[in-house]
């Protein structure tokens, strides 16, 4: 029934049935399925070959980092600190180096506020560092930068001292800037600014004078004091140590020996 037998005919013949009346076809008779399988195997082989080539290119010492460029207005970060981070955190070549890990390494330096790391083809890593700009010391420890952020670093600079409740550094920093601007006309500078738990303000000046500003309208009270200074405090017969500005129509002063005197604003 099958006609003349030849080599091609052998490939097309059905497999012998295990029981009479049963016809079993071989998978080799499904040409489309065979084509799909072959294409799949070719694609898989190509992917594996490409992966192997990329793996070798990346992990072989073909793309070493030869240069590290450190940029930024650096006043406190030292060459020794940078060298330490490079030695400790730089593991890999141009492609395999973990930029996130490198950034975290630089972020651990006391004076570093922000880090940006990027690759520059073919063998350079650019690191941009932003340092903290110290504005004051925090009474609880550490320094406060110009953004009102606390950070831990050592400084020999003559800085004012801030005090306040936990997480109040940004507000104290903002208030300091306002108080400092108000006092410029008197050529006086704040050296100690305190916010109490009740959010009342106390200010100590570089002359030694202490100003009690209270909780409400502290800036307004200070401005009134500045306007009245030349006609009042400056003419006192004795050095004034303390001024209480919480009175609605004037203020009270305490001389160095503890004497208290009330003074109207006019």
C-alpha atoms as a PDB file:
ATOM      1  CA  UNK A   1       0.000   0.000   0.000  1.00  0.00           C
ATOM      2  CA  UNK A   2       2.851   2.371   0.653  1.00  0.00           C
ATOM      3  CA  UNK A   3       4.378   2.109  -2.808  1.00  0.00           C
ATOM      4  CA  UNK A   4       8.020   1.757  -3.676  1.00  0.00           C
ATOM      5  CA  UNK A   5      10.407   1.898  -0.753  1.00  0.00           C
ATOM      6  CA  UNK A   6      13.369   4.311  -0.849  1.00  0.00           C
ATOM      7  CA  UNK A   7      15.389   6.371   1.656  1.00  0.00           C
ATOM      8  CA  UNK A   8      12.952   9.291   1.626  1.00  0.00           C
ATOM      9  CA  UNK A   9      10.098   6.920   1.998  1.00  0.00           C
ATOM     10  CA  UNK A  10      11.600   5.529   5.168  1.00  0.00           C
ATOM     11  CA  UNK A  11      11.513   8.957   6.809  1.00  0.00           C
ATOM     12  CA  UNK A  12       7.883   9.475   5.868  1.00  0.00           C
ATOM     13  CA  UNK A  13       6.628   6.082   6.947  1.00  0.00           C
ATOM     14  CA  UNK A  14       4.630   5.937  10.137  1.00  0.00           C
ATOM     15  CA  UNK A  15       5.994   4.113  13.117  1.00  0.00           C
ATOM     16  CA  UNK A  16       4.701   0.585  13.595  1.00  0.00           C
ATOM     17  CA  UNK A  17       1.595   0.432  15.687  1.00  0.00           C
ATOM     18  CA  UNK A  18       1.731  -1.490  18.906  1.00  0.00           C
ATOM     19  CA  UNK A  19      -1.767  -2.846  18.270  1.00  0.00           C
ATOM     20  CA  UNK A  20      -3.598  -3.606  15.047  1.00  0.00           C
ATOM     21  CA  UNK A  21      -5.543  -0.673  13.609  1.00  0.00           C
ATOM     22  CA  UNK A  22      -3.406   1.991  15.379  1.00  0.00           C
ATOM     23  CA  UNK A  23      -1.260   4.495  13.451  1.00  0.00           C
ATOM     24  CA  UNK A  24       1.574   6.292  15.302  1.00  0.00           C
ATOM     25  CA  UNK A  25       3.330   9.226  13.604  1.00  0.00           C
ATOM     26  CA  UNK A  26       6.880  10.284  14.498  1.00  0.00           C
ATOM     27  CA  UNK A  27       7.625  13.909  15.525  1.00  0.00           C
ATOM     28  CA  UNK A  28       9.856  14.070  12.510  1.00  0.00           C
ATOM     29  CA  UNK A  29       6.685  14.214  10.407  1.00  0.00           C
ATOM     30  CA  UNK A  30       5.835  17.618  12.045  1.00  0.00           C
ATOM     31  CA  UNK A  31       8.051  19.898   9.965  1.00  0.00           C
ATOM     32  CA  UNK A  32       6.776  23.191  11.437  1.00  0.00           C
ATOM     33  CA  UNK A  33       7.453  22.040  14.998  1.00  0.00           C
ATOM     34  CA  UNK A  34      10.947  20.982  14.019  1.00  0.00           C
ATOM     35  CA  UNK A  35      11.573  24.405  12.502  1.00  0.00           C
ATOM     36  CA  UNK A  36      10.447  26.180  15.667  1.00  0.00           C
ATOM     37  CA  UNK A  37      12.660  23.988  17.829  1.00  0.00           C
ATOM     38  CA  UNK A  38      15.653  24.647  15.635  1.00  0.00           C
ATOM     39  CA  UNK A  39      15.091  28.409  15.685  1.00  0.00           C
ATOM     40  CA  UNK A  40      14.704  28.346  19.449  1.00  0.00           C
ATOM     41  CA  UNK A  41      17.968  26.439  19.904  1.00  0.00           C
ATOM     42  CA  UNK A  42      19.791  28.827  17.542  1.00  0.00           C
ATOM     43  CA  UNK A  43      18.462  31.869  19.435  1.00  0.00           C
ATOM     44  CA  UNK A  44      19.374  30.331  22.792  1.00  0.00           C
ATOM     45  CA  UNK A  45      22.880  29.576  21.571  1.00  0.00           C
ATOM     46  CA  UNK A  46      23.276  33.138  20.265  1.00  0.00           C
ATOM     47  CA  UNK A  47      22.126  34.598  23.597  1.00  0.00           C
ATOM     48  CA  UNK A  48      24.499  32.390  25.576  1.00  0.00           C
ATOM     49  CA  UNK A  49      27.365  33.291  23.271  1.00  0.00           C
ATOM     50  CA  UNK A  50      26.622  37.009  23.594  1.00  0.00           C
ATOM     51  CA  UNK A  51      26.398  36.705  27.392  1.00  0.00           C
ATOM     52  CA  UNK A  52      29.715  34.858  27.490  1.00  0.00           C
ATOM     53  CA  UNK A  53      31.384  37.528  25.385  1.00  0.00           C
ATOM     54  CA  UNK A  54      30.013  40.335  27.552  1.00  0.00           C
ATOM     55  CA  UNK A  55      31.042  38.500  30.707  1.00  0.00           C
ATOM     56  CA  UNK A  56      34.593  38.143  29.438  1.00  0.00           C
ATOM     57  CA  UNK A  57      34.755  41.755  28.275  1.00  0.00           C
ATOM     58  CA  UNK A  58      33.545  43.062  31.625  1.00  0.00           C
ATOM     59  CA  UNK A  59      35.505  40.832  33.971  1.00  0.00           C
ATOM     60  CA  UNK A  60      38.761  40.561  32.148  1.00  0.00           C
ATOM     61  CA  UNK A  61      41.194  43.436  32.865  1.00  0.00           C
ATOM     62  CA  UNK A  62      40.378  45.112  29.578  1.00  0.00           C
ATOM     63  CA  UNK A  63      38.653  48.244  30.941  1.00  0.00           C
ATOM     64  CA  UNK A  64      40.509  49.315  34.081  1.00  0.00           C
ATOM     65  CA  UNK A  65      39.770  52.623  35.782  1.00  0.00           C
ATOM     66  CA  UNK A  66      42.833  54.790  35.331  1.00  0.00           C
ATOM     67  CA  UNK A  67      41.642  58.196  36.513  1.00  0.00           C
ATOM     68  CA  UNK A  68      39.449  59.501  39.324  1.00  0.00           C
ATOM     69  CA  UNK A  69      38.425  63.164  39.093  1.00  0.00           C
ATOM     70  CA  UNK A  70      37.326  64.776  42.359  1.00  0.00           C
ATOM     71  CA  UNK A  71      35.380  68.002  41.860  1.00  0.00           C
ATOM     72  CA  UNK A  72      33.804  70.511  44.212  1.00  0.00           C
ATOM     73  CA  UNK A  73      34.686  73.452  46.416  1.00  0.00           C
ATOM     74  CA  UNK A  74      36.529  71.412  49.027  1.00  0.00           C
ATOM     75  CA  UNK A  75      37.729  73.067  52.207  1.00  0.00           C
ATOM     76  CA  UNK A  76      37.772  70.136  54.625  1.00  0.00           C
ATOM     77  CA  UNK A  77      37.925  66.872  52.625  1.00  0.00           C
ATOM     78  CA  UNK A  78      41.574  65.823  52.452  1.00  0.00           C
ATOM     79  CA  UNK A  79      43.636  63.889  49.929  1.00  0.00           C
ATOM     80  CA  UNK A  80      44.192  61.158  52.511  1.00  0.00           C
ATOM     81  CA  UNK A  81      40.437  60.714  52.993  1.00  0.00           C
ATOM     82  CA  UNK A  82      39.848  60.480  49.244  1.00  0.00           C
ATOM     83  CA  UNK A  83      42.689  57.958  48.870  1.00  0.00           C
ATOM     84  CA  UNK A  84      41.188  55.846  51.640  1.00  0.00           C
ATOM     85  CA  UNK A  85      37.795  55.720  49.931  1.00  0.00           C
ATOM     86  CA  UNK A  86      39.356  54.895  46.565  1.00  0.00           C
ATOM     87  CA  UNK A  87      41.360  52.036  48.095  1.00  0.00           C
ATOM     88  CA  UNK A  88      38.439  50.674  50.096  1.00  0.00           C
ATOM     89  CA  UNK A  89      35.431  51.124  47.814  1.00  0.00           C
ATOM     90  CA  UNK A  90      36.787  50.951  44.258  1.00  0.00           C
ATOM     91  CA  UNK A  91      36.339  47.275  43.365  1.00  0.00           C
ATOM     92  CA  UNK A  92      35.938  46.374  39.713  1.00  0.00           C
ATOM     93  CA  UNK A  93      36.642  47.895  36.346  1.00  0.00           C
ATOM     94  CA  UNK A  94      34.932  50.614  34.339  1.00  0.00           C
ATOM     95  CA  UNK A  95      31.777  48.521  33.911  1.00  0.00           C
ATOM     96  CA  UNK A  96      31.540  46.533  37.142  1.00  0.00           C
ATOM     97  CA  UNK A  97      32.293  49.290  39.662  1.00  0.00           C
ATOM     98  CA  UNK A  98      29.287  49.808  41.953  1.00  0.00           C
ATOM     99  CA  UNK A  99      28.624  53.569  41.763  1.00  0.00           C
ATOM    100  CA  UNK A 100      26.075  53.429  44.574  1.00  0.00           C
ATOM    101  CA  UNK A 101      28.600  51.829  46.904  1.00  0.00           C
ATOM    102  CA  UNK A 102      31.247  54.371  45.923  1.00  0.00           C
ATOM    103  CA  UNK A 103      28.821  57.209  46.679  1.00  0.00           C
ATOM    104  CA  UNK A 104      28.011  55.733  50.092  1.00  0.00           C
ATOM    105  CA  UNK A 105      31.712  55.521  50.842  1.00  0.00           C
ATOM    106  CA  UNK A 106      32.259  59.217  50.189  1.00  0.00           C
ATOM    107  CA  UNK A 107      29.059  60.063  52.070  1.00  0.00           C
ATOM    108  CA  UNK A 108      30.645  58.663  55.234  1.00  0.00           C
ATOM    109  CA  UNK A 109      33.230  61.456  55.283  1.00  0.00           C
ATOM    110  CA  UNK A 110      32.267  63.952  58.023  1.00  0.00           C
ATOM    111  CA  UNK A 111      32.176  67.082  55.874  1.00  0.00           C
ATOM    112  CA  UNK A 112      30.511  65.577  52.797  1.00  0.00           C
ATOM    113  CA  UNK A 113      26.868  66.576  52.380  1.00  0.00           C
ATOM    114  CA  UNK A 114      26.131  65.247  48.902  1.00  0.00           C
ATOM    115  CA  UNK A 115      27.885  63.008  46.346  1.00  0.00           C
ATOM    116  CA  UNK A 116      27.453  62.574  42.603  1.00  0.00           C
ATOM    117  CA  UNK A 117      29.324  59.773  40.797  1.00  0.00           C
ATOM    118  CA  UNK A 118      29.371  59.032  37.071  1.00  0.00           C
ATOM    119  CA  UNK A 119      31.504  57.222  34.512  1.00  0.00           C
ATOM    120  CA  UNK A 120      33.382  59.010  31.737  1.00  0.00           C
ATOM    121  CA  UNK A 121      34.413  56.818  28.829  1.00  0.00           C
ATOM    122  CA  UNK A 122      36.811  55.127  28.539  1.00  0.00           C
ATOM    123  CA  UNK A 123      38.670  54.972  31.877  1.00  0.00           C
ATOM    124  CA  UNK A 124      37.623  57.837  34.175  1.00  0.00           C
ATOM    125  CA  UNK A 125      35.317  58.182  37.159  1.00  0.00           C
ATOM    126  CA  UNK A 126      34.026  61.654  38.017  1.00  0.00           C
ATOM    127  CA  UNK A 127      33.122  62.313  41.650  1.00  0.00           C
ATOM    128  CA  UNK A 128      31.477  65.629  42.582  1.00  0.00           C
ATOM    129  CA  UNK A 129      31.463  66.376  46.312  1.00  0.00           C
ATOM    130  CA  UNK A 130      29.385  69.005  48.086  1.00  0.00           C
ATOM    131  CA  UNK A 131      30.648  69.948  51.524  1.00  0.00           C
ATOM    132  CA  UNK A 132      28.654  71.154  54.488  1.00  0.00           C
ATOM    133  CA  UNK A 133      29.043  74.862  55.197  1.00  0.00           C
ATOM    134  CA  UNK A 134      29.140  75.144  58.976  1.00  0.00           C
ATOM    135  CA  UNK A 135      26.957  77.890  60.413  1.00  0.00           C
ATOM    136  CA  UNK A 136      26.862  77.084  64.125  1.00  0.00           C
ATOM    137  CA  UNK A 137      27.503  74.508  66.802  1.00  0.00           C
ATOM    138  CA  UNK A 138      24.619  72.536  68.228  1.00  0.00           C
ATOM    139  CA  UNK A 139      24.555  72.444  72.018  1.00  0.00           C
ATOM    140  CA  UNK A 140      23.724  68.740  71.987  1.00  0.00           C
ATOM    141  CA  UNK A 141      26.760  67.932  69.856  1.00  0.00           C
ATOM    142  CA  UNK A 142      27.729  68.359  66.226  1.00  0.00           C
ATOM    143  CA  UNK A 143      27.456  71.257  63.824  1.00  0.00           C
ATOM    144  CA  UNK A 144      24.626  72.956  61.953  1.00  0.00           C
ATOM    145  CA  UNK A 145      25.064  73.839  58.284  1.00  0.00           C
ATOM    146  CA  UNK A 146      23.558  76.791  56.452  1.00  0.00           C
ATOM    147  CA  UNK A 147      20.549  74.646  55.478  1.00  0.00           C
ATOM    148  CA  UNK A 148      19.708  73.899  59.093  1.00  0.00           C
ATOM    149  CA  UNK A 149      20.977  70.324  58.903  1.00  0.00           C
ATOM    150  CA  UNK A 150      22.886  68.683  61.735  1.00  0.00           C
ATOM    151  CA  UNK A 151      26.109  66.846  60.950  1.00  0.00           C
ATOM    152  CA  UNK A 152      28.970  65.378  62.923  1.00  0.00           C
ATOM    153  CA  UNK A 153      32.343  66.966  62.244  1.00  0.00           C
ATOM    154  CA  UNK A 154      35.115  68.826  64.026  1.00  0.00           C
ATOM    155  CA  UNK A 155      35.734  72.544  63.490  1.00  0.00           C
ATOM    156  CA  UNK A 156      38.090  75.061  65.067  1.00  0.00           C
ATOM    157  CA  UNK A 157      36.127  78.027  63.718  1.00  0.00           C
ATOM    158  CA  UNK A 158      34.537  80.544  66.066  1.00  0.00           C
ATOM    159  CA  UNK A 159      30.864  79.679  65.534  1.00  0.00           C
ATOM    160  CA  UNK A 160      27.687  80.702  67.332  1.00  0.00           C
ATOM    161  CA  UNK A 161      25.916  78.098  69.454  1.00  0.00           C
ATOM    162  CA  UNK A 162      22.350  76.964  68.792  1.00  0.00           C
ATOM    163  CA  UNK A 163      20.131  75.216  71.337  1.00  0.00           C
ATOM    164  CA  UNK A 164      16.640  73.847  71.004  1.00  0.00           C
ATOM    165  CA  UNK A 165      14.325  70.843  71.156  1.00  0.00           C
ATOM    166  CA  UNK A 166      14.952  67.790  69.022  1.00  0.00           C
ATOM    167  CA  UNK A 167      14.526  68.404  65.277  1.00  0.00           C
ATOM    168  CA  UNK A 168      14.346  72.190  65.757  1.00  0.00           C
ATOM    169  CA  UNK A 169      17.642  72.971  64.021  1.00  0.00           C
ATOM    170  CA  UNK A 170      16.014  74.169  60.745  1.00  0.00           C
ATOM    171  CA  UNK A 171      13.723  76.587  62.590  1.00  0.00           C
ATOM    172  CA  UNK A 172      16.537  77.871  64.816  1.00  0.00           C
ATOM    173  CA  UNK A 173      18.695  78.419  61.730  1.00  0.00           C
ATOM    174  CA  UNK A 174      15.956  80.415  59.985  1.00  0.00           C
ATOM    175  CA  UNK A 175      15.328  82.550  63.063  1.00  0.00           C
ATOM    176  CA  UNK A 176      19.058  83.160  63.508  1.00  0.00           C
ATOM    177  CA  UNK A 177      19.287  84.656  60.024  1.00  0.00           C
ATOM    178  CA  UNK A 178      16.443  87.077  60.802  1.00  0.00           C
ATOM    179  CA  UNK A 179      17.879  88.118  64.166  1.00  0.00           C
ATOM    180  CA  UNK A 180      21.336  88.614  62.681  1.00  0.00           C
ATOM    181  CA  UNK A 181      19.974  90.855  59.926  1.00  0.00           C
ATOM    182  CA  UNK A 182      18.049  92.974  62.463  1.00  0.00           C
ATOM    183  CA  UNK A 183      21.166  93.545  64.590  1.00  0.00           C
ATOM    184  CA  UNK A 184      23.488  94.547  61.746  1.00  0.00           C
ATOM    185  CA  UNK A 185      22.684  98.252  62.134  1.00  0.00           C
ATOM    186  CA  UNK A 186      23.983  98.085  65.737  1.00  0.00           C
ATOM    187  CA  UNK A 187      27.097  96.182  64.658  1.00  0.00           C
ATOM    188  CA  UNK A 188      26.172  93.448  67.110  1.00  0.00           C
ATOM    189  CA  UNK A 189      26.208  89.720  66.351  1.00  0.00           C
ATOM    190  CA  UNK A 190      24.352  86.792  67.919  1.00  0.00           C
ATOM    191  CA  UNK A 191      26.691  84.284  69.541  1.00  0.00           C
ATOM    192  CA  UNK A 192      24.118  82.081  71.234  1.00  0.00           C
ATOM    193  CA  UNK A 193      20.515  81.411  70.216  1.00  0.00           C
ATOM    194  CA  UNK A 194      18.199  79.265  72.309  1.00  0.00           C
ATOM    195  CA  UNK A 195      14.711  77.965  71.675  1.00  0.00           C
ATOM    196  CA  UNK A 196      13.144  76.605  74.856  1.00  0.00           C
ATOM    197  CA  UNK A 197      10.749  73.689  75.064  1.00  0.00           C
ATOM    198  CA  UNK A 198       7.932  76.264  75.125  1.00  0.00           C
ATOM    199  CA  UNK A 199       9.342  77.694  71.867  1.00  0.00           C
ATOM    200  CA  UNK A 200      10.443  80.932  73.513  1.00  0.00           C
ATOM    201  CA  UNK A 201      13.595  82.643  72.242  1.00  0.00           C
ATOM    202  CA  UNK A 202      16.662  83.882  74.085  1.00  0.00           C
ATOM    203  CA  UNK A 203      19.515  85.619  72.316  1.00  0.00           C
ATOM    204  CA  UNK A 204      23.035  86.356  73.534  1.00  0.00           C
ATOM    205  CA  UNK A 205      25.111  88.951  71.656  1.00  0.00           C
ATOM    206  CA  UNK A 206      28.851  89.235  71.149  1.00  0.00           C
ATOM    207  CA  UNK A 207      28.832  92.159  73.600  1.00  0.00           C
ATOM    208  CA  UNK A 208      27.670  89.795  76.341  1.00  0.00           C
ATOM    209  CA  UNK A 209      24.144  91.215  76.410  1.00  0.00           C
ATOM    210  CA  UNK A 210      21.317  88.689  76.792  1.00  0.00           C
ATOM    211  CA  UNK A 211      17.945  89.419  75.191  1.00  0.00           C
ATOM    212  CA  UNK A 212      14.790  87.665  76.365  1.00  0.00           C
ATOM    213  CA  UNK A 213      12.458  87.701  73.357  1.00  0.00           C
ATOM    214  CA  UNK A 214       9.666  85.381  74.443  1.00  0.00           C
ATOM    215  CA  UNK A 215       7.561  83.143  72.269  1.00  0.00           C
ATOM    216  CA  UNK A 216       5.337  85.440  70.220  1.00  0.00           C
ATOM    217  CA  UNK A 217       6.469  88.178  67.817  1.00  0.00           C
ATOM    218  CA  UNK A 218      10.124  87.720  68.691  1.00  0.00           C
ATOM    219  CA  UNK A 219      11.253  89.452  65.514  1.00  0.00           C
ATOM    220  CA  UNK A 220       8.977  92.439  66.109  1.00  0.00           C
ATOM    221  CA  UNK A 221      10.269  92.821  69.664  1.00  0.00           C
ATOM    222  CA  UNK A 222      13.866  92.719  68.504  1.00  0.00           C
ATOM    223  CA  UNK A 223      13.203  95.378  65.873  1.00  0.00           C
ATOM    224  CA  UNK A 224      11.721  97.668  68.563  1.00  0.00           C
ATOM    225  CA  UNK A 225      14.779  97.082  70.716  1.00  0.00           C
ATOM    226  CA  UNK A 226      17.088  98.005  67.834  1.00  0.00           C
ATOM    227  CA  UNK A 227      15.214 101.257  67.210  1.00  0.00           C
ATOM    228  CA  UNK A 228      15.350 102.195  70.900  1.00  0.00           C
ATOM    229  CA  UNK A 229      18.923 101.060  71.519  1.00  0.00           C
ATOM    230  CA  UNK A 230      20.807 104.334  70.944  1.00  0.00           C
ATOM    231  CA  UNK A 231      18.394 106.319  73.122  1.00  0.00           C
ATOM    232  CA  UNK A 232      18.236 103.753  75.934  1.00  0.00           C
ATOM    233  CA  UNK A 233      20.747 100.929  76.321  1.00  0.00           C
ATOM    234  CA  UNK A 234      23.628 102.909  74.862  1.00  0.00           C
ATOM    235  CA  UNK A 235      23.069 105.685  77.417  1.00  0.00           C
ATOM    236  CA  UNK A 236      22.813 103.515  80.500  1.00  0.00           C
ATOM    237  CA  UNK A 237      25.287 104.543  83.243  1.00  0.00           C
ATOM    238  CA  UNK A 238      26.363 100.925  83.731  1.00  0.00           C
ATOM    239  CA  UNK A 239      26.846  98.023  81.327  1.00  0.00           C
ATOM    240  CA  UNK A 240      23.595  96.179  80.743  1.00  0.00           C
ATOM    241  CA  UNK A 241      23.775  92.387  81.100  1.00  0.00           C
ATOM    242  CA  UNK A 242      20.159  91.376  80.416  1.00  0.00           C
ATOM    243  CA  UNK A 243      17.133  92.851  78.652  1.00  0.00           C
ATOM    244  CA  UNK A 244      13.638  91.421  78.928  1.00  0.00           C
ATOM    245  CA  UNK A 245      11.647  92.410  75.851  1.00  0.00           C
ATOM    246  CA  UNK A 246       8.435  90.564  76.714  1.00  0.00           C
ATOM    247  CA  UNK A 247       6.694  93.723  77.989  1.00  0.00           C
ATOM    248  CA  UNK A 248       4.063  95.165  75.632  1.00  0.00           C
ATOM    249  CA  UNK A 249       5.106  98.825  76.011  1.00  0.00           C
ATOM    250  CA  UNK A 250       8.737  98.667  77.034  1.00  0.00           C
ATOM    251  CA  UNK A 251      11.451  96.442  78.447  1.00  0.00           C
ATOM    252  CA  UNK A 252      13.310  95.720  81.653  1.00  0.00           C
ATOM    253  CA  UNK A 253      17.074  95.728  81.999  1.00  0.00           C
ATOM    254  CA  UNK A 254      19.441  94.144  84.444  1.00  0.00           C
ATOM    255  CA  UNK A 255      22.872  95.623  85.043  1.00  0.00           C
ATOM    256  CA  UNK A 256      25.949  93.557  85.655  1.00  0.00           C
ATOM    257  CA  UNK A 257      25.496  93.663  89.436  1.00  0.00           C
ATOM    258  CA  UNK A 258      21.898  92.420  89.207  1.00  0.00           C
ATOM    259  CA  UNK A 259      20.024  95.743  89.423  1.00  0.00           C
ATOM    260  CA  UNK A 260      16.796  95.768  87.392  1.00  0.00           C
ATOM    261  CA  UNK A 261      15.394  98.886  85.803  1.00  0.00           C
ATOM    262  CA  UNK A 262      12.283  99.283  83.676  1.00  0.00           C
ATOM    263  CA  UNK A 263      12.407 101.416  80.563  1.00  0.00           C
ATOM    264  CA  UNK A 264       9.585 102.499  78.310  1.00  0.00           C
ATOM    265  CA  UNK A 265       9.942 102.450  74.575  1.00  0.00           C
ATOM    266  CA  UNK A 266       8.742 105.988  74.344  1.00  0.00           C
END
